Amino acid sequence: MLYEMLTGQVPFRGPNAFAIMNDRLVNSPIPPREIDPTISPQLQEIIYRALARDPSNRYSSAHEFSWDLQHEDQVGISERPELNDWKRRRSPLYRQILFYLTLAAIPIVVFGVLLYVARHT
């Protein structure tokens, strides 16, 4: 919510909840400073920590999150791969094609097995 409040955009997009969850799993959000350069590097770090995929990298409590927001000047900035990876948006299109090809292959394999059994009995 903080990301959206500061940038005016949601960090992850999609036409439905499933697509948004997939975007969350495979893509990094646009760095907030790319959208609004007035956002400080420390605040961007706080946002990225709040959005971290790995729970061990996220804030462990709302109190910890609040403390960092109140003491923004004391937040250390780390080198994050997300700052460079966000341009390479991965689309679920490849996975969808693979899924449908696999789905189409199932009846073919079943038919082949039945044909093999019918000829050898």
PDB file of N, CA and C in Angstrom:
ATOM      1  N   MET A   1       0.817  -1.179   0.000  1.00  0.00           N
ATOM      2  CA  MET A   1       0.000   0.000   0.000  1.00  0.00           C
ATOM      3  C   MET A   1       0.873   1.259   0.000  1.00  0.00           C
ATOM      4  N   LEU A   2       1.984   1.198   0.742  1.00  0.00           N
ATOM      5  CA  LEU A   2       2.896   2.344   0.773  1.00  0.00           C
ATOM      6  C   LEU A   2       3.448   2.628  -0.625  1.00  0.00           C
ATOM      7  N   TYR A   3       3.803   1.581  -1.350  1.00  0.00           N
ATOM      8  CA  TYR A   3       4.300   1.734  -2.723  1.00  0.00           C
ATOM      9  C   TYR A   3       3.268   2.495  -3.558  1.00  0.00           C
ATOM     10  N   GLU A   4       2.021   2.068  -3.476  1.00  0.00           N
ATOM     11  CA  GLU A   4       0.966   2.700  -4.271  1.00  0.00           C
ATOM     12  C   GLU A   4       0.710   4.132  -3.826  1.00  0.00           C
ATOM     13  N   MET A   5       0.770   4.384  -2.524  1.00  0.00           N
ATOM     14  CA  MET A   5       0.546   5.739  -2.023  1.00  0.00           C
ATOM     15  C   MET A   5       1.628   6.695  -2.523  1.00  0.00           C
ATOM     16  N   LEU A   6       2.863   6.229  -2.579  1.00  0.00           N
ATOM     17  CA  LEU A   6       3.972   7.101  -2.973  1.00  0.00           C
ATOM     18  C   LEU A   6       4.112   7.268  -4.483  1.00  0.00           C
ATOM     19  N   THR A   7       3.788   6.216  -5.226  1.00  0.00           N
ATOM     20  CA  THR A   7       4.013   6.251  -6.671  1.00  0.00           C
ATOM     21  C   THR A   7       2.739   6.459  -7.487  1.00  0.00           C
ATOM     22  N   GLY A   8       1.592   6.164  -6.911  1.00  0.00           N
ATOM     23  CA  GLY A   8       0.342   6.247  -7.657  1.00  0.00           C
ATOM     24  C   GLY A   8       0.110   5.035  -8.535  1.00  0.00           C
ATOM     25  N   GLN A   9       0.953   4.001  -8.384  1.00  0.00           N
ATOM     26  CA  GLN A   9       0.823   2.775  -9.163  1.00  0.00           C
ATOM     27  C   GLN A   9       0.922   1.577  -8.224  1.00  0.00           C
ATOM     28  N   VAL A  10       0.314   0.473  -8.633  1.00  0.00           N
ATOM     29  CA  VAL A  10       0.463  -0.759  -7.859  1.00  0.00           C
ATOM     30  C   VAL A  10       1.782  -1.420  -8.259  1.00  0.00           C
ATOM     31  N   PRO A  11       2.440  -2.117  -7.337  1.00  0.00           N
ATOM     32  CA  PRO A  11       3.732  -2.721  -7.680  1.00  0.00           C
ATOM     33  C   PRO A  11       3.622  -3.917  -8.625  1.00  0.00           C
ATOM     34  N   PHE A  12       2.488  -4.612  -8.596  1.00  0.00           N
ATOM     35  CA  PHE A  12       2.300  -5.791  -9.430  1.00  0.00           C
ATOM     36  C   PHE A  12       0.959  -5.683 -10.122  1.00  0.00           C
ATOM     37  N   ARG A  13       0.936  -6.091 -11.401  1.00  0.00           N
ATOM     38  CA  ARG A  13      -0.266  -5.897 -12.212  1.00  0.00           C
ATOM     39  C   ARG A  13      -0.730  -7.207 -12.827  1.00  0.00           C
ATOM     40  N   GLY A  14      -1.993  -7.198 -13.213  1.00  0.00           N
ATOM     41  CA  GLY A  14      -2.559  -8.331 -13.931  1.00  0.00           C
ATOM     42  C   GLY A  14      -4.059  -8.172 -14.045  1.00  0.00           C
ATOM     43  N   PRO A  15      -4.665  -8.896 -14.983  1.00  0.00           N
ATOM     44  CA  PRO A  15      -6.112  -8.780 -15.187  1.00  0.00           C
ATOM     45  C   PRO A  15      -6.935  -9.469 -14.096  1.00  0.00           C
ATOM     46  N   ASN A  16      -6.306 -10.365 -13.324  1.00  0.00           N
ATOM     47  CA  ASN A  16      -7.023 -11.058 -12.256  1.00  0.00           C
ATOM     48  C   ASN A  16      -6.046 -11.373 -11.124  1.00  0.00           C
ATOM     49  N   ALA A  17      -6.577 -11.902 -10.035  1.00  0.00           N
ATOM     50  CA  ALA A  17      -5.749 -12.173  -8.852  1.00  0.00           C
ATOM     51  C   ALA A  17      -4.637 -13.176  -9.150  1.00  0.00           C
ATOM     52  N   PHE A  18      -4.938 -14.188  -9.968  1.00  0.00           N
ATOM     53  CA  PHE A  18      -3.925 -15.189 -10.306  1.00  0.00           C
ATOM     54  C   PHE A  18      -2.761 -14.555 -11.074  1.00  0.00           C
ATOM     55  N   ALA A  19      -3.075 -13.697 -12.021  1.00  0.00           N
ATOM     56  CA  ALA A  19      -2.031 -13.035 -12.810  1.00  0.00           C
ATOM     57  C   ALA A  19      -1.209 -12.090 -11.939  1.00  0.00           C
ATOM     58  N   ILE A  20      -1.845 -11.427 -10.989  1.00  0.00           N
ATOM     59  CA  ILE A  20      -1.121 -10.540 -10.085  1.00  0.00           C
ATOM     60  C   ILE A  20      -0.181 -11.350  -9.192  1.00  0.00           C
ATOM     61  N   MET A  21      -0.665 -12.485  -8.680  1.00  0.00           N
ATOM     62  CA  MET A  21       0.205 -13.356  -7.863  1.00  0.00           C
ATOM     63  C   MET A  21       1.388 -13.853  -8.676  1.00  0.00           C
ATOM     64  N   ASN A  22       1.144 -14.213  -9.932  1.00  0.00           N
ATOM     65  CA  ASN A  22       2.225 -14.678 -10.789  1.00  0.00           C
ATOM     66  C   ASN A  22       3.231 -13.563 -11.034  1.00  0.00           C
ATOM     67  N   ASP A  23       2.737 -12.352 -11.281  1.00  0.00           N
ATOM     68  CA  ASP A  23       3.628 -11.209 -11.479  1.00  0.00           C
ATOM     69  C   ASP A  23       4.474 -10.994 -10.231  1.00  0.00           C
ATOM     70  N   ARG A  24       3.882 -11.166  -9.073  1.00  0.00           N
ATOM     71  CA  ARG A  24       4.590 -11.010  -7.795  1.00  0.00           C
ATOM     72  C   ARG A  24       5.707 -12.037  -7.659  1.00  0.00           C
ATOM     73  N   LEU A  25       5.450 -13.254  -8.142  1.00  0.00           N
ATOM     74  CA  LEU A  25       6.434 -14.330  -8.010  1.00  0.00           C
ATOM     75  C   LEU A  25       7.593 -14.228  -8.990  1.00  0.00           C
ATOM     76  N   VAL A  26       7.341 -13.716 -10.183  1.00  0.00           N
ATOM     77  CA  VAL A  26       8.386 -13.759 -11.213  1.00  0.00           C
ATOM     78  C   VAL A  26       9.005 -12.415 -11.573  1.00  0.00           C
ATOM     79  N   ASN A  27       8.394 -11.303 -11.154  1.00  0.00           N
ATOM     80  CA  ASN A  27       8.901  -9.994 -11.541  1.00  0.00           C
ATOM     81  C   ASN A  27       9.171  -9.101 -10.335  1.00  0.00           C
ATOM     82  N   SER A  28      10.032  -8.156 -10.540  1.00  0.00           N
ATOM     83  CA  SER A  28      10.301  -7.133  -9.530  1.00  0.00           C
ATOM     84  C   SER A  28       9.523  -5.881  -9.903  1.00  0.00           C
ATOM     85  N   PRO A  29       9.039  -5.146  -8.900  1.00  0.00           N
ATOM     86  CA  PRO A  29       8.311  -3.921  -9.237  1.00  0.00           C
ATOM     87  C   PRO A  29       9.251  -2.849  -9.778  1.00  0.00           C
ATOM     88  N   ILE A  30       8.690  -1.903 -10.480  1.00  0.00           N
ATOM     89  CA  ILE A  30       9.478  -0.763 -10.949  1.00  0.00           C
ATOM     90  C   ILE A  30       9.999  -0.034  -9.712  1.00  0.00           C
ATOM     91  N   PRO A  31      11.287   0.279  -9.655  1.00  0.00           N
ATOM     92  CA  PRO A  31      11.797   0.999  -8.485  1.00  0.00           C
ATOM     93  C   PRO A  31      11.016   2.299  -8.273  1.00  0.00           C
ATOM     94  N   PRO A  32      10.586   2.550  -7.047  1.00  0.00           N
ATOM     95  CA  PRO A  32       9.801   3.758  -6.781  1.00  0.00           C
ATOM     96  C   PRO A  32      10.493   5.040  -7.246  1.00  0.00           C
ATOM     97  N   ARG A  33      11.816   5.084  -7.175  1.00  0.00           N
ATOM     98  CA  ARG A  33      12.538   6.293  -7.599  1.00  0.00           C
ATOM     99  C   ARG A  33      12.509   6.480  -9.112  1.00  0.00           C
ATOM    100  N   GLU A  34      12.240   5.418  -9.868  1.00  0.00           N
ATOM    101  CA  GLU A  34      12.082   5.547 -11.324  1.00  0.00           C
ATOM    102  C   GLU A  34      10.775   6.270 -11.638  1.00  0.00           C
ATOM    103  N   ILE A  35       9.780   6.054 -10.809  1.00  0.00           N
ATOM    104  CA  ILE A  35       8.468   6.679 -11.010  1.00  0.00           C
ATOM    105  C   ILE A  35       8.463   8.098 -10.452  1.00  0.00           C
ATOM    106  N   ASP A  36       9.025   8.242  -9.249  1.00  0.00           N
ATOM    107  CA  ASP A  36       9.065   9.548  -8.587  1.00  0.00           C
ATOM    108  C   ASP A  36      10.463   9.771  -8.013  1.00  0.00           C
ATOM    109  N   PRO A  37      11.302  10.527  -8.709  1.00  0.00           N
ATOM    110  CA  PRO A  37      12.682  10.745  -8.257  1.00  0.00           C
ATOM    111  C   PRO A  37      12.801  11.466  -6.911  1.00  0.00           C
ATOM    112  N   THR A  38      11.715  12.044  -6.423  1.00  0.00           N
ATOM    113  CA  THR A  38      11.790  12.730  -5.127  1.00  0.00           C
ATOM    114  C   THR A  38      11.787  11.752  -3.951  1.00  0.00           C
ATOM    115  N   ILE A  39      11.492  10.486  -4.223  1.00  0.00           N
ATOM    116  CA  ILE A  39      11.540   9.461  -3.166  1.00  0.00           C
ATOM    117  C   ILE A  39      13.004   9.223  -2.827  1.00  0.00           C
ATOM    118  N   SER A  40      13.314   9.254  -1.550  1.00  0.00           N
ATOM    119  CA  SER A  40      14.710   9.096  -1.122  1.00  0.00           C
ATOM    120  C   SER A  40      15.165   7.648  -1.290  1.00  0.00           C
ATOM    121  N   PRO A  41      16.470   7.430  -1.448  1.00  0.00           N
ATOM    122  CA  PRO A  41      16.986   6.060  -1.540  1.00  0.00           C
ATOM    123  C   PRO A  41      16.660   5.249  -0.276  1.00  0.00           C
ATOM    124  N   GLN A  42      16.640   5.910   0.877  1.00  0.00           N
ATOM    125  CA  GLN A  42      16.322   5.208   2.116  1.00  0.00           C
ATOM    126  C   GLN A  42      14.868   4.740   2.122  1.00  0.00           C
ATOM    127  N   LEU A  43      13.957   5.595   1.660  1.00  0.00           N
ATOM    128  CA  LEU A  43      12.551   5.204   1.608  1.00  0.00           C
ATOM    129  C   LEU A  43      12.349   4.084   0.590  1.00  0.00           C
ATOM    130  N   GLN A  44      13.058   4.139  -0.508  1.00  0.00           N
ATOM    131  CA  GLN A  44      12.990   3.061  -1.490  1.00  0.00           C
ATOM    132  C   GLN A  44      13.467   1.756  -0.868  1.00  0.00           C
ATOM    133  N   GLU A  45      14.517   1.810  -0.074  1.00  0.00           N
ATOM    134  CA  GLU A  45      15.022   0.624   0.624  1.00  0.00           C
ATOM    135  C   GLU A  45      13.965   0.068   1.578  1.00  0.00           C
ATOM    136  N   ILE A  46      13.278   0.942   2.285  1.00  0.00           N
ATOM    137  CA  ILE A  46      12.219   0.505   3.200  1.00  0.00           C
ATOM    138  C   ILE A  46      11.113  -0.204   2.420  1.00  0.00           C
ATOM    139  N   ILE A  47      10.742   0.369   1.288  1.00  0.00           N
ATOM    140  CA  ILE A  47       9.690  -0.232   0.459  1.00  0.00           C
ATOM    141  C   ILE A  47      10.125  -1.602  -0.033  1.00  0.00           C
ATOM    142  N   TYR A  48      11.355  -1.708  -0.537  1.00  0.00           N
ATOM    143  CA  TYR A  48      11.833  -3.003  -1.027  1.00  0.00           C
ATOM    144  C   TYR A  48      11.910  -4.037   0.083  1.00  0.00           C
ATOM    145  N   ARG A  49      12.281  -3.610   1.260  1.00  0.00           N
ATOM    146  CA  ARG A  49      12.335  -4.559   2.378  1.00  0.00           C
ATOM    147  C   ARG A  49      10.932  -5.030   2.739  1.00  0.00           C
ATOM    148  N   ALA A  50       9.962  -4.135   2.678  1.00  0.00           N
ATOM    149  CA  ALA A  50       8.578  -4.508   2.969  1.00  0.00           C
ATOM    150  C   ALA A  50       8.007  -5.442   1.900  1.00  0.00           C
ATOM    151  N   LEU A  51       8.494  -5.327   0.667  1.00  0.00           N
ATOM    152  CA  LEU A  51       7.994  -6.152  -0.437  1.00  0.00           C
ATOM    153  C   LEU A  51       8.826  -7.414  -0.693  1.00  0.00           C
ATOM    154  N   ALA A  52       9.837  -7.664   0.108  1.00  0.00           N
ATOM    155  CA  ALA A  52      10.741  -8.794  -0.140  1.00  0.00           C
ATOM    156  C   ALA A  52       9.974 -10.114  -0.241  1.00  0.00           C
ATOM    157  N   ARG A  53      10.350 -10.948  -1.200  1.00  0.00           N
ATOM    158  CA  ARG A  53       9.705 -12.257  -1.373  1.00  0.00           C
ATOM    159  C   ARG A  53      10.021 -13.189  -0.217  1.00  0.00           C
ATOM    160  N   ASP A  54      11.266 -13.192   0.201  1.00  0.00           N
ATOM    161  CA  ASP A  54      11.717 -14.064   1.280  1.00  0.00           C
ATOM    162  C   ASP A  54      11.307 -13.462   2.626  1.00  0.00           C
ATOM    163  N   PRO A  55      10.487 -14.171   3.405  1.00  0.00           N
ATOM    164  CA  PRO A  55      10.032 -13.625   4.684  1.00  0.00           C
ATOM    165  C   PRO A  55      11.169 -13.241   5.633  1.00  0.00           C
ATOM    166  N   SER A  56      12.302 -13.909   5.532  1.00  0.00           N
ATOM    167  CA  SER A  56      13.415 -13.579   6.420  1.00  0.00           C
ATOM    168  C   SER A  56      14.039 -12.221   6.068  1.00  0.00           C
ATOM    169  N   ASN A  57      13.757 -11.714   4.872  1.00  0.00           N
ATOM    170  CA  ASN A  57      14.268 -10.408   4.456  1.00  0.00           C
ATOM    171  C   ASN A  57      13.263  -9.274   4.681  1.00  0.00           C
ATOM    172  N   ARG A  58      12.028  -9.627   5.043  1.00  0.00           N
ATOM    173  CA  ARG A  58      10.998  -8.618   5.293  1.00  0.00           C
ATOM    174  C   ARG A  58      11.045  -8.169   6.750  1.00  0.00           C
ATOM    175  N   TYR A  59      10.289  -7.147   7.035  1.00  0.00           N
ATOM    176  CA  TYR A  59      10.156  -6.692   8.421  1.00  0.00           C
ATOM    177  C   TYR A  59       9.478  -7.784   9.234  1.00  0.00           C
ATOM    178  N   SER A  60       9.995  -8.021  10.433  1.00  0.00           N
ATOM    179  CA  SER A  60       9.408  -9.068  11.272  1.00  0.00           C
ATOM    180  C   SER A  60       8.206  -8.563  12.061  1.00  0.00           C
ATOM    181  N   SER A  61       8.047  -7.236  12.153  1.00  0.00           N
ATOM    182  CA  SER A  61       6.905  -6.682  12.884  1.00  0.00           C
ATOM    183  C   SER A  61       6.554  -5.303  12.325  1.00  0.00           C
ATOM    184  N   ALA A  62       5.333  -4.883  12.613  1.00  0.00           N
ATOM    185  CA  ALA A  62       4.903  -3.541  12.205  1.00  0.00           C
ATOM    186  C   ALA A  62       5.697  -2.490  12.963  1.00  0.00           C
ATOM    187  N   HIS A  63       6.096  -2.810  14.182  1.00  0.00           N
ATOM    188  CA  HIS A  63       6.886  -1.872  14.986  1.00  0.00           C
ATOM    189  C   HIS A  63       8.236  -1.593  14.306  1.00  0.00           C
ATOM    190  N   GLU A  64       8.878  -2.641  13.825  1.00  0.00           N
ATOM    191  CA  GLU A  64      10.167  -2.492  13.127  1.00  0.00           C
ATOM    192  C   GLU A  64      10.002  -1.650  11.857  1.00  0.00           C
ATOM    193  N   PHE A  65       8.929  -1.908  11.121  1.00  0.00           N
ATOM    194  CA  PHE A  65       8.619  -1.154   9.906  1.00  0.00           C
ATOM    195  C   PHE A  65       8.372   0.312  10.256  1.00  0.00           C
ATOM    196  N   SER A  66       7.599   0.552  11.285  1.00  0.00           N
ATOM    197  CA  SER A  66       7.297   1.909  11.733  1.00  0.00           C
ATOM    198  C   SER A  66       8.565   2.651  12.173  1.00  0.00           C
ATOM    199  N   TRP A  67       9.442   1.941  12.871  1.00  0.00           N
ATOM    200  CA  TRP A  67      10.681   2.568  13.344  1.00  0.00           C
ATOM    201  C   TRP A  67      11.502   3.050  12.152  1.00  0.00           C
ATOM    202  N   ASP A  68      11.638   2.196  11.128  1.00  0.00           N
ATOM    203  CA  ASP A  68      12.402   2.601   9.942  1.00  0.00           C
ATOM    204  C   ASP A  68      11.753   3.802   9.242  1.00  0.00           C
ATOM    205  N   LEU A  69      10.434   3.828   9.174  1.00  0.00           N
ATOM    206  CA  LEU A  69       9.754   4.969   8.540  1.00  0.00           C
ATOM    207  C   LEU A  69       9.973   6.256   9.333  1.00  0.00           C
ATOM    208  N   GLN A  70      10.019   6.138  10.646  1.00  0.00           N
ATOM    209  CA  GLN A  70      10.221   7.321  11.485  1.00  0.00           C
ATOM    210  C   GLN A  70      11.676   7.766  11.525  1.00  0.00           C
ATOM    211  N   HIS A  71      12.603   6.838  11.303  1.00  0.00           N
ATOM    212  CA  HIS A  71      14.037   7.135  11.346  1.00  0.00           C
ATOM    213  C   HIS A  71      14.675   6.811   9.998  1.00  0.00           C
ATOM    214  N   GLU A  72      14.083   7.353   8.960  1.00  0.00           N
ATOM    215  CA  GLU A  72      14.506   7.072   7.584  1.00  0.00           C
ATOM    216  C   GLU A  72      15.989   7.363   7.360  1.00  0.00           C
ATOM    217  N   ASP A  73      16.501   8.394   8.024  1.00  0.00           N
ATOM    218  CA  ASP A  73      17.901   8.779   7.829  1.00  0.00           C
ATOM    219  C   ASP A  73      18.879   7.735   8.365  1.00  0.00           C
ATOM    220  N   GLN A  74      18.414   6.798   9.184  1.00  0.00           N
ATOM    221  CA  GLN A  74      19.287   5.773   9.754  1.00  0.00           C
ATOM    222  C   GLN A  74      19.200   4.438   9.001  1.00  0.00           C
ATOM    223  N   VAL A  75      18.419   4.411   7.945  1.00  0.00           N
ATOM    224  CA  VAL A  75      18.249   3.176   7.162  1.00  0.00           C
ATOM    225  C   VAL A  75      19.427   3.018   6.217  1.00  0.00           C
ATOM    226  N   GLY A  76      20.062   1.863   6.280  1.00  0.00           N
ATOM    227  CA  GLY A  76      21.161   1.571   5.357  1.00  0.00           C
ATOM    228  C   GLY A  76      20.620   1.167   3.993  1.00  0.00           C
ATOM    229  N   ILE A  77      21.367   1.495   2.981  1.00  0.00           N
ATOM    230  CA  ILE A  77      20.958   1.160   1.617  1.00  0.00           C
ATOM    231  C   ILE A  77      21.826   0.006   1.131  1.00  0.00           C
ATOM    232  N   SER A  78      21.180  -1.055   0.691  1.00  0.00           N
ATOM    233  CA  SER A  78      21.929  -2.201   0.183  1.00  0.00           C
ATOM    234  C   SER A  78      21.801  -2.270  -1.339  1.00  0.00           C
ATOM    235  N   GLU A  79      22.758  -2.930  -1.954  1.00  0.00           N
ATOM    236  CA  GLU A  79      22.740  -3.118  -3.415  1.00  0.00           C
ATOM    237  C   GLU A  79      21.737  -4.231  -3.712  1.00  0.00           C
ATOM    238  N   ARG A  80      20.668  -3.890  -4.376  1.00  0.00           N
ATOM    239  CA  ARG A  80      19.589  -4.841  -4.646  1.00  0.00           C
ATOM    240  C   ARG A  80      19.556  -5.208  -6.125  1.00  0.00           C
ATOM    241  N   PRO A  81      19.476  -6.512  -6.422  1.00  0.00           N
ATOM    242  CA  PRO A  81      19.344  -6.915  -7.830  1.00  0.00           C
ATOM    243  C   PRO A  81      18.027  -6.433  -8.439  1.00  0.00           C
ATOM    244  N   GLU A  82      17.014  -6.211  -7.592  1.00  0.00           N
ATOM    245  CA  GLU A  82      15.714  -5.753  -8.091  1.00  0.00           C
ATOM    246  C   GLU A  82      15.810  -4.414  -8.807  1.00  0.00           C
ATOM    247  N   LEU A  83      16.810  -3.618  -8.443  1.00  0.00           N
ATOM    248  CA  LEU A  83      16.961  -2.309  -9.072  1.00  0.00           C
ATOM    249  C   LEU A  83      17.375  -2.430 -10.533  1.00  0.00           C
ATOM    250  N   ASN A  84      17.965  -3.562 -10.890  1.00  0.00           N
ATOM    251  CA  ASN A  84      18.383  -3.786 -12.283  1.00  0.00           C
ATOM    252  C   ASN A  84      17.462  -4.771 -13.001  1.00  0.00           C
ATOM    253  N   ASP A  85      16.849  -5.698 -12.252  1.00  0.00           N
ATOM    254  CA  ASP A  85      16.040  -6.764 -12.848  1.00  0.00           C
ATOM    255  C   ASP A  85      14.649  -6.321 -13.285  1.00  0.00           C
ATOM    256  N   TRP A  86      14.191  -5.196 -12.818  1.00  0.00           N
ATOM    257  CA  TRP A  86      12.798  -4.831 -13.049  1.00  0.00           C
ATOM    258  C   TRP A  86      12.477  -4.620 -14.522  1.00  0.00           C
ATOM    259  N   LYS A  87      13.470  -4.307 -15.347  1.00  0.00           N
ATOM    260  CA  LYS A  87      13.209  -4.075 -16.773  1.00  0.00           C
ATOM    261  C   LYS A  87      12.957  -5.379 -17.524  1.00  0.00           C
ATOM    262  N   ARG A  88      13.487  -6.471 -16.998  1.00  0.00           N
ATOM    263  CA  ARG A  88      13.281  -7.772 -17.639  1.00  0.00           C
ATOM    264  C   ARG A  88      12.014  -8.405 -17.081  1.00  0.00           C
ATOM    265  N   ARG A  89      10.898  -7.980 -17.596  1.00  0.00           N
ATOM    266  CA  ARG A  89       9.612  -8.506 -17.155  1.00  0.00           C
ATOM    267  C   ARG A  89       9.411  -9.877 -17.787  1.00  0.00           C
ATOM    268  N   ARG A  90       9.206 -10.865 -16.965  1.00  0.00           N
ATOM    269  CA  ARG A  90       8.964 -12.215 -17.475  1.00  0.00           C
ATOM    270  C   ARG A  90       7.468 -12.414 -17.628  1.00  0.00           C
ATOM    271  N   SER A  91       7.092 -12.872 -18.770  1.00  0.00           N
ATOM    272  CA  SER A  91       5.687 -13.081 -19.068  1.00  0.00           C
ATOM    273  C   SER A  91       5.316 -14.534 -18.815  1.00  0.00           C
ATOM    274  N   PRO A  92       4.114 -14.782 -18.334  1.00  0.00           N
ATOM    275  CA  PRO A  92       3.686 -16.163 -18.144  1.00  0.00           C
ATOM    276  C   PRO A  92       3.294 -16.839 -19.458  1.00  0.00           C
ATOM    277  N   LEU A  93       3.460 -16.147 -20.598  1.00  0.00           N
ATOM    278  CA  LEU A  93       3.064 -16.692 -21.887  1.00  0.00           C
ATOM    279  C   LEU A  93       3.788 -18.003 -22.178  1.00  0.00           C
ATOM    280  N   TYR A  94       5.091 -18.057 -21.947  1.00  0.00           N
ATOM    281  CA  TYR A  94       5.856 -19.283 -22.199  1.00  0.00           C
ATOM    282  C   TYR A  94       5.309 -20.433 -21.351  1.00  0.00           C
ATOM    283  N   ARG A  95       5.026 -20.167 -20.097  1.00  0.00           N
ATOM    284  CA  ARG A  95       4.478 -21.209 -19.220  1.00  0.00           C
ATOM    285  C   ARG A  95       3.096 -21.652 -19.678  1.00  0.00           C
ATOM    286  N   GLN A  96       2.287 -20.706 -20.151  1.00  0.00           N
ATOM    287  CA  GLN A  96       0.959 -21.055 -20.628  1.00  0.00           C
ATOM    288  C   GLN A  96       1.046 -21.956 -21.856  1.00  0.00           C
ATOM    289  N   ILE A  97       1.931 -21.629 -22.770  1.00  0.00           N
ATOM    290  CA  ILE A  97       2.099 -22.449 -23.976  1.00  0.00           C
ATOM    291  C   ILE A  97       2.560 -23.845 -23.592  1.00  0.00           C
ATOM    292  N   LEU A  98       3.529 -23.923 -22.709  1.00  0.00           N
ATOM    293  CA  LEU A  98       4.028 -25.217 -22.250  1.00  0.00           C
ATOM    294  C   LEU A  98       2.930 -26.012 -21.554  1.00  0.00           C
ATOM    295  N   PHE A  99       2.129 -25.357 -20.746  1.00  0.00           N
ATOM    296  CA  PHE A  99       1.025 -26.012 -20.049  1.00  0.00           C
ATOM    297  C   PHE A  99       0.030 -26.599 -21.048  1.00  0.00           C
ATOM    298  N   TYR A 100      -0.365 -25.815 -22.043  1.00  0.00           N
ATOM    299  CA  TYR A 100      -1.354 -26.296 -23.013  1.00  0.00           C
ATOM    300  C   TYR A 100      -0.784 -27.397 -23.905  1.00  0.00           C
ATOM    301  N   LEU A 101       0.485 -27.317 -24.240  1.00  0.00           N
ATOM    302  CA  LEU A 101       1.105 -28.403 -25.008  1.00  0.00           C
ATOM    303  C   LEU A 101       1.132 -29.697 -24.205  1.00  0.00           C
ATOM    304  N   THR A 102       1.458 -29.582 -22.931  1.00  0.00           N
ATOM    305  CA  THR A 102       1.453 -30.756 -22.057  1.00  0.00           C
ATOM    306  C   THR A 102       0.049 -31.322 -21.926  1.00  0.00           C
ATOM    307  N   LEU A 103      -0.914 -30.452 -21.764  1.00  0.00           N
ATOM    308  CA  LEU A 103      -2.308 -30.865 -21.653  1.00  0.00           C
ATOM    309  C   LEU A 103      -2.764 -31.571 -22.930  1.00  0.00           C
ATOM    310  N   ALA A 104      -2.345 -31.070 -24.076  1.00  0.00           N
ATOM    311  CA  ALA A 104      -2.711 -31.688 -25.354  1.00  0.00           C
ATOM    312  C   ALA A 104      -2.002 -33.027 -25.546  1.00  0.00           C
ATOM    313  N   ALA A 105      -0.831 -33.190 -24.974  1.00  0.00           N
ATOM    314  CA  ALA A 105      -0.068 -34.429 -25.144  1.00  0.00           C
ATOM    315  C   ALA A 105      -0.644 -35.582 -24.318  1.00  0.00           C
ATOM    316  N   ILE A 106      -1.348 -35.280 -23.250  1.00  0.00           N
ATOM    317  CA  ILE A 106      -1.881 -36.345 -22.387  1.00  0.00           C
ATOM    318  C   ILE A 106      -2.796 -37.304 -23.145  1.00  0.00           C
ATOM    319  N   PRO A 107      -3.806 -36.827 -23.880  1.00  0.00           N
ATOM    320  CA  PRO A 107      -4.650 -37.785 -24.615  1.00  0.00           C
ATOM    321  C   PRO A 107      -3.869 -38.557 -25.684  1.00  0.00           C
ATOM    322  N   ILE A 108      -2.883 -37.908 -26.279  1.00  0.00           N
ATOM    323  CA  ILE A 108      -2.081 -38.595 -27.298  1.00  0.00           C
ATOM    324  C   ILE A 108      -1.300 -39.734 -26.667  1.00  0.00           C
ATOM    325  N   VAL A 109      -0.707 -39.493 -25.523  1.00  0.00           N
ATOM    326  CA  VAL A 109       0.045 -40.542 -24.819  1.00  0.00           C
ATOM    327  C   VAL A 109      -0.891 -41.654 -24.371  1.00  0.00           C
ATOM    328  N   VAL A 110      -2.043 -41.310 -23.831  1.00  0.00           N
ATOM    329  CA  VAL A 110      -3.012 -42.329 -23.390  1.00  0.00           C
ATOM    330  C   VAL A 110      -3.465 -43.156 -24.588  1.00  0.00           C
ATOM    331  N   PHE A 111      -3.763 -42.514 -25.707  1.00  0.00           N
ATOM    332  CA  PHE A 111      -4.172 -43.239 -26.908  1.00  0.00           C
ATOM    333  C   PHE A 111      -3.052 -44.170 -27.384  1.00  0.00           C
ATOM    334  N   GLY A 112      -1.813 -43.673 -27.359  1.00  0.00           N
ATOM    335  CA  GLY A 112      -0.680 -44.510 -27.759  1.00  0.00           C
ATOM    336  C   GLY A 112      -0.513 -45.726 -26.867  1.00  0.00           C
ATOM    337  N   VAL A 113      -0.666 -45.558 -25.573  1.00  0.00           N
ATOM    338  CA  VAL A 113      -0.552 -46.686 -24.636  1.00  0.00           C
ATOM    339  C   VAL A 113      -1.676 -47.680 -24.886  1.00  0.00           C
ATOM    340  N   LEU A 114      -2.896 -47.205 -25.076  1.00  0.00           N
ATOM    341  CA  LEU A 114      -4.013 -48.106 -25.357  1.00  0.00           C
ATOM    342  C   LEU A 114      -3.803 -48.852 -26.662  1.00  0.00           C
ATOM    343  N   LEU A 115      -3.307 -48.178 -27.671  1.00  0.00           N
ATOM    344  CA  LEU A 115      -3.044 -48.813 -28.960  1.00  0.00           C
ATOM    345  C   LEU A 115      -1.961 -49.882 -28.815  1.00  0.00           C
ATOM    346  N   TYR A 116      -0.929 -49.580 -28.063  1.00  0.00           N
ATOM    347  CA  TYR A 116       0.150 -50.536 -27.829  1.00  0.00           C
ATOM    348  C   TYR A 116      -0.375 -51.765 -27.095  1.00  0.00           C
ATOM    349  N   VAL A 117      -1.166 -51.568 -26.073  1.00  0.00           N
ATOM    350  CA  VAL A 117      -1.724 -52.689 -25.292  1.00  0.00           C
ATOM    351  C   VAL A 117      -2.650 -53.506 -26.171  1.00  0.00           C
ATOM    352  N   ALA A 118      -3.473 -52.861 -27.015  1.00  0.00           N
ATOM    353  CA  ALA A 118      -4.413 -53.580 -27.864  1.00  0.00           C
ATOM    354  C   ALA A 118      -3.683 -54.446 -28.898  1.00  0.00           C
ATOM    355  N   ARG A 119      -2.559 -53.989 -29.412  1.00  0.00           N
ATOM    356  CA  ARG A 119      -1.805 -54.766 -30.413  1.00  0.00           C
ATOM    357  C   ARG A 119      -1.026 -55.908 -29.809  1.00  0.00           C
ATOM    358  N   HIS A 120      -0.652 -55.805 -28.559  1.00  0.00           N
ATOM    359  CA  HIS A 120       0.191 -56.832 -27.925  1.00  0.00           C
ATOM    360  C   HIS A 120      -0.605 -57.759 -27.018  1.00  0.00           C
ATOM    361  N   THR A 121      -1.930 -57.765 -27.100  1.00  0.00           N
ATOM    362  CA  THR A 121      -2.704 -58.711 -26.312  1.00  0.00           C
ATOM    363  C   THR A 121      -3.501 -59.641 -27.175  1.00  0.00           C
TER     364      THR A 121
END
